Protein backbone atom coordinates (compact mmCIF):
# COMPACT_ATOMS: atom_id res chain seq x y z
CA UNK A 1 28.35 113.22 66.48
CA UNK A 2 30.74 110.28 66.08
CA UNK A 3 34.32 111.26 65.14
CA UNK A 4 37.29 109.25 63.89
CA UNK A 5 39.90 111.32 65.66
CA UNK A 6 42.87 109.61 67.28
CA UNK A 7 42.56 110.77 70.86
CA UNK A 8 44.91 109.99 73.75
CA UNK A 9 44.52 109.52 77.48
CA UNK A 10 47.37 110.52 79.85
CA UNK A 11 49.21 107.15 79.82
CA UNK A 12 48.54 106.69 76.14
CA UNK A 13 50.04 110.13 75.47
CA UNK A 14 53.16 109.21 77.46
CA UNK A 15 53.52 106.00 75.44
CA UNK A 16 52.99 107.63 72.03
CA UNK A 17 55.25 110.61 72.70
CA UNK A 18 58.03 108.41 74.07
CA UNK A 19 58.06 106.13 71.06
CA UNK A 20 57.80 109.13 68.76
CA UNK A 21 60.88 110.67 70.37
CA UNK A 22 62.66 107.35 69.95
CA UNK A 23 61.76 107.26 66.26
CA UNK A 24 60.23 103.82 66.60
CA UNK A 25 58.68 102.03 63.65
CA UNK A 26 57.80 98.84 65.52
CA UNK A 27 56.73 98.48 69.16
CA UNK A 28 56.57 95.32 71.26
CA UNK A 29 54.39 94.63 74.27
CA UNK A 30 57.51 94.35 76.47
CA UNK A 31 58.48 97.90 75.44
CA UNK A 32 55.17 99.31 76.73
CA UNK A 33 55.37 97.23 79.93
CA UNK A 34 58.89 98.48 80.60
CA UNK A 35 57.85 102.07 79.96
CA UNK A 36 54.74 102.08 82.14
CA UNK A 37 55.97 99.71 84.82
CA UNK A 38 52.87 97.53 85.26
CA UNK A 39 51.78 94.81 82.85
CA UNK A 40 48.06 95.26 83.45
CA UNK A 41 48.28 98.99 82.75
CA UNK A 42 50.42 98.37 79.69
CA UNK A 43 48.02 95.80 78.27
CA UNK A 44 45.13 98.26 78.65
CA UNK A 45 47.06 101.06 76.96
CA UNK A 46 47.97 98.71 74.07
CA UNK A 47 44.29 97.76 73.59
CA UNK A 48 43.32 101.42 73.55
CA UNK A 49 46.06 102.37 71.13
CA UNK A 50 45.01 99.58 68.79
CA UNK A 51 41.40 100.71 68.92
CA UNK A 52 42.28 104.39 68.39
CA UNK A 53 44.61 103.72 65.51
CA UNK A 54 48.01 104.42 67.02
CA UNK A 55 49.12 100.77 66.68
CA UNK A 56 48.49 97.97 64.17
CA UNK A 57 48.87 94.40 65.35
CA UNK A 58 51.39 92.51 63.23
CA UNK A 59 51.79 89.32 65.25
CA UNK A 60 51.23 88.55 68.90
CA UNK A 61 53.01 91.15 71.00
CA UNK A 62 54.42 93.08 67.99
CA UNK A 63 52.84 96.24 66.56
CA UNK A 64 53.43 98.80 63.83
CA UNK A 65 53.54 102.29 65.31
CA UNK A 66 51.55 105.06 63.64
CA UNK A 67 53.07 108.29 65.04
CA UNK A 68 51.36 111.69 65.27
CA UNK A 69 52.68 112.59 61.77
CA UNK A 70 50.36 109.94 60.45
CA UNK A 71 47.49 112.36 60.99
CA UNK A 72 44.74 113.09 63.44
CA UNK A 73 42.24 110.60 62.01
CA UNK A 74 42.16 106.85 62.48
CA UNK A 75 42.75 105.85 58.84
CA UNK A 76 45.05 102.83 59.32
CA UNK A 77 48.22 102.25 57.32
CA UNK A 78 48.02 102.26 53.47
CA UNK A 79 51.63 101.20 52.95
CA UNK A 80 51.42 97.42 52.51
CA UNK A 81 55.12 96.90 51.96
CA UNK A 82 55.88 98.72 55.22
CA UNK A 83 53.41 96.48 57.07
CA UNK A 84 54.88 93.27 55.61
CA UNK A 85 58.46 94.35 56.29
CA UNK A 86 57.69 95.04 59.96
CA UNK A 87 56.19 91.71 60.79
CA UNK A 88 59.33 89.76 61.67
CA UNK A 89 63.10 90.27 61.85
CA UNK A 90 65.25 89.38 60.02
CA UNK A 91 63.26 89.37 56.84
CA UNK A 92 63.02 91.04 53.46
CA UNK A 93 60.36 91.54 50.83
CA UNK A 94 61.35 89.71 47.67
CA UNK A 95 60.23 88.04 44.46
CA UNK A 96 57.21 89.57 42.66
CA UNK A 97 56.51 92.43 45.08
CA UNK A 98 60.17 93.46 45.03
CA UNK A 99 60.25 93.22 41.23
CA UNK A 100 57.26 95.54 41.02
CA UNK A 101 58.89 97.98 43.50
CA UNK A 102 62.07 98.12 41.45
CA UNK A 103 60.23 98.65 38.19
CA UNK A 104 61.24 95.27 36.72
CA UNK A 105 57.60 94.65 35.87
CA UNK A 106 54.41 96.70 35.63
CA UNK A 107 52.36 93.96 37.34
CA UNK A 108 51.18 94.47 40.92
CA UNK A 109 50.99 91.21 42.95
CA UNK A 110 48.13 90.73 45.35
CA UNK A 111 50.25 88.69 47.78
CA UNK A 112 53.47 89.97 49.36
CA UNK A 113 56.12 87.27 49.80
CA UNK A 114 58.45 87.84 52.77
CA UNK A 115 61.74 85.97 53.05
CA UNK A 116 62.41 84.77 56.58
CA UNK A 117 64.68 82.35 58.43
CA UNK A 118 61.85 80.45 60.12
CA UNK A 119 58.50 78.95 59.13
CA UNK A 120 55.42 81.08 59.70
CA UNK A 121 51.80 80.73 58.65
CA UNK A 122 50.45 83.22 56.12
CA UNK A 123 48.63 86.26 57.56
CA UNK A 124 46.29 89.00 56.36
CA UNK A 125 47.07 92.34 57.98
CA UNK A 126 45.01 95.47 57.19
CA UNK A 127 43.66 93.62 54.15
CA UNK A 128 47.15 92.69 52.85
CA UNK A 129 47.94 89.02 52.25
CA UNK A 130 51.45 88.20 53.42
CA UNK A 131 53.18 84.90 52.67
CA UNK A 132 56.29 83.90 54.68
CA UNK A 133 58.92 82.00 52.80
CA UNK A 134 61.61 80.21 54.78
CA UNK A 135 64.94 80.77 53.03
CA UNK A 136 68.11 78.76 53.65
CA UNK A 137 71.10 80.66 54.95
CA UNK A 138 73.13 80.64 51.72
CA UNK A 139 70.28 82.41 49.89
CA UNK A 140 69.36 84.86 52.65
CA UNK A 141 71.37 87.88 51.49
CA UNK A 142 71.20 90.73 48.99
CA UNK A 143 68.66 93.04 50.71
CA UNK A 144 68.71 96.48 52.28
CA UNK A 145 66.48 99.14 53.76
CA UNK A 146 64.62 101.46 51.44
CA UNK A 147 62.71 104.57 52.55
CA UNK A 148 59.09 104.18 51.44
CA UNK A 149 56.91 107.19 52.35
CA UNK A 150 58.90 107.69 55.48
CA UNK A 151 58.92 104.03 56.52
CA UNK A 152 62.00 101.76 56.47
CA UNK A 153 61.26 98.75 54.30
CA UNK A 154 63.64 95.80 53.85
CA UNK A 155 63.67 94.69 50.21
CA UNK A 156 65.94 92.61 48.02
CA UNK A 157 68.12 94.68 45.72
CA UNK A 158 67.20 94.76 41.99
CA UNK A 159 69.90 92.19 41.13
CA UNK A 160 68.96 89.83 44.00
CA UNK A 161 65.28 90.26 43.12
CA UNK A 162 65.93 89.04 39.62
CA UNK A 163 67.90 86.04 40.89
CA UNK A 164 65.28 85.17 43.48
CA UNK A 165 62.56 85.27 40.83
CA UNK A 166 64.61 82.89 38.62
CA UNK A 167 65.07 80.62 41.65
CA UNK A 168 61.36 80.58 42.52
CA UNK A 169 59.22 81.41 39.47
CA UNK A 170 56.19 80.26 41.51
CA UNK A 171 56.70 83.28 43.82
CA UNK A 172 57.13 85.65 40.89
CA UNK A 173 53.94 85.18 38.96
CA UNK A 174 55.01 82.18 36.89
CA UNK A 175 57.31 81.65 33.92
CA UNK A 176 55.72 84.30 31.67
CA UNK A 177 56.05 86.95 34.33
CA UNK A 178 59.67 85.88 35.03
CA UNK A 179 60.47 86.48 31.36
CA UNK A 180 59.09 89.98 31.73
CA UNK A 181 61.18 90.51 34.85
CA UNK A 182 64.34 89.38 33.06
CA UNK A 183 63.59 91.80 30.25
CA UNK A 184 63.03 94.58 32.72
CA UNK A 185 66.30 93.86 34.53
CA UNK A 186 68.23 93.84 31.22
CA UNK A 187 67.76 97.64 30.97
CA UNK A 188 69.97 98.61 33.92
CA UNK A 189 71.28 95.55 35.81
CA UNK A 190 74.99 94.85 35.88
CA UNK A 191 75.21 91.38 34.41
CA UNK A 192 78.46 90.60 36.26
CA UNK A 193 76.74 91.32 39.59
CA UNK A 194 73.76 89.23 38.53
CA UNK A 195 76.06 86.33 37.58
CA UNK A 196 77.96 86.54 40.86
CA UNK A 197 74.71 86.41 42.84
CA UNK A 198 73.27 83.59 40.74
CA UNK A 199 76.42 81.47 41.09
CA UNK A 200 76.44 81.97 44.88
CA UNK A 201 72.93 80.51 45.14
CA UNK A 202 74.35 77.05 44.13
CA UNK A 203 71.34 76.17 41.91
CA UNK A 204 71.95 74.68 38.46
CA UNK A 205 68.33 75.16 37.42
CA UNK A 206 68.55 78.87 38.28
CA UNK A 207 71.63 79.29 36.03
CA UNK A 208 69.90 77.44 33.22
CA UNK A 209 66.85 79.71 33.42
CA UNK A 210 68.98 82.83 33.57
CA UNK A 211 70.93 81.86 30.46
CA UNK A 212 67.93 80.77 28.47
CA UNK A 213 65.75 83.76 29.31
CA UNK A 214 68.56 86.25 28.73
CA UNK A 215 69.03 84.78 25.24
CA UNK A 216 65.31 84.84 24.66
CA UNK A 217 64.84 88.55 25.46
CA UNK A 218 68.05 89.65 23.77
CA UNK A 219 70.12 90.38 26.82
CA UNK A 220 73.68 89.93 25.58
CA UNK A 221 76.18 88.62 28.09
CA UNK A 222 79.93 89.24 27.78
CA UNK A 223 81.69 86.04 26.65
CA UNK A 224 83.52 85.64 30.00
CA UNK A 225 80.25 85.89 31.96
CA UNK A 226 78.45 83.44 29.64
CA UNK A 227 81.37 81.05 30.02
CA UNK A 228 81.21 81.25 33.82
CA UNK A 229 77.53 80.31 33.82
CA UNK A 230 77.98 77.53 31.30
CA UNK A 231 80.96 76.06 33.13
CA UNK A 232 78.96 75.91 36.34
CA UNK A 233 76.30 73.67 34.73
CA UNK A 234 77.13 69.95 34.64
CA UNK A 235 76.67 68.88 30.96
CA UNK A 236 74.34 65.99 31.83
CA UNK A 237 72.05 68.15 33.98
CA UNK A 238 68.51 68.60 32.68
CA UNK A 239 65.86 70.89 34.14
CA UNK A 240 62.31 71.75 33.14
CA UNK A 241 61.06 75.34 32.77
CA UNK A 242 57.34 75.75 32.35
CA UNK A 243 54.41 73.44 32.70
CA UNK A 244 54.76 69.90 33.93
CA UNK A 245 54.17 68.19 30.59
CA UNK A 246 55.32 69.34 27.17
CA UNK A 247 52.66 70.39 24.69
CA UNK A 248 52.68 70.76 20.92
CA UNK A 249 54.35 74.04 20.01
CA UNK A 250 56.52 74.30 23.15
CA UNK A 251 60.13 75.33 22.63
CA UNK A 252 61.45 72.01 23.90
CA UNK A 253 65.08 71.21 24.60
CA UNK A 254 67.53 74.14 24.57
CA UNK A 255 70.95 72.60 24.13
CA UNK A 256 72.88 75.78 24.98
CA UNK A 257 71.63 75.62 28.56
CA UNK A 258 70.50 72.02 29.01
CA UNK A 259 66.91 73.17 29.65
CA UNK A 260 63.66 71.60 28.66
CA UNK A 261 61.30 74.46 28.02
CA UNK A 262 57.64 73.42 28.31
CA UNK A 263 56.22 76.77 27.06
CA UNK A 264 55.69 78.42 23.73
CA UNK A 265 57.95 81.24 22.71
CA UNK A 266 54.94 83.47 22.05
CA UNK A 267 53.77 82.84 25.60
CA UNK A 268 57.09 83.80 27.16
CA UNK A 269 57.40 86.88 25.03
CA UNK A 270 53.93 88.22 25.85
CA UNK A 271 54.34 91.97 26.62
CA UNK A 272 58.12 91.71 26.54
CA UNK A 273 59.57 94.71 24.68
CA UNK A 274 62.88 95.14 22.88
CA UNK A 275 63.15 91.66 21.50
CA UNK A 276 66.43 90.93 19.79
CA UNK A 277 66.67 87.18 19.89
CA UNK A 278 70.04 85.46 19.53
CA UNK A 279 68.48 82.02 19.30
CA UNK A 280 67.39 79.52 21.89
CA UNK A 281 68.09 76.20 20.16
């Protein structure tokens, strides 16, 4: 009778127990070679541990470790955020997936976007699509480790998640979803912190989107914060938010933020609760 139990040979047991004692989340091929002393032996052990469900290949030579606490059966890893977070260092999960994790939206993205400092091709690991987004140094901040079912997962903080989504709506489900995320953030986020992060990103379009969407969903900014955002926007600057070309019924030019909104108000407010509009014209 065929079983799905995660068995261990002698050298495999040494490897698993050693990394378990070390509390390892990620294991590299060099770690196994150093432990066992011979590369040929180590490579064989790695192949067996992959086959038996003790390791999951992330990228060449880098593996997610599934310790004994994971269970006796070879069931893989059902924690997609933990898998994505372990692929490369430094990195953090951001945009739509982070917004979902923090409860800023009820939507569940099918692709996990991972902020990195270098270019990488997209990968599918254990059925999870992972997109790697190279982020410039000045925007690579505002993340920390969260415990997710016993796994350390690097995610952007709620405030940085909001700002990242405003910076890259294409990675956050589009303009309608970003409006939902802004509405979700308005419940608990400290607007001063959000403004500080947004200003540090050095993106005028981001500030324009933040100001416009906050007005749209009824998120009231203190006068001093509103003034800081407005003063950071050059009066002659124009940015577009929404589809490429304006259509009949779109909001159009919003003078308060110098933003051309190529979307209808009803579109942006789809499924957005607690609407108390202060005007967008």
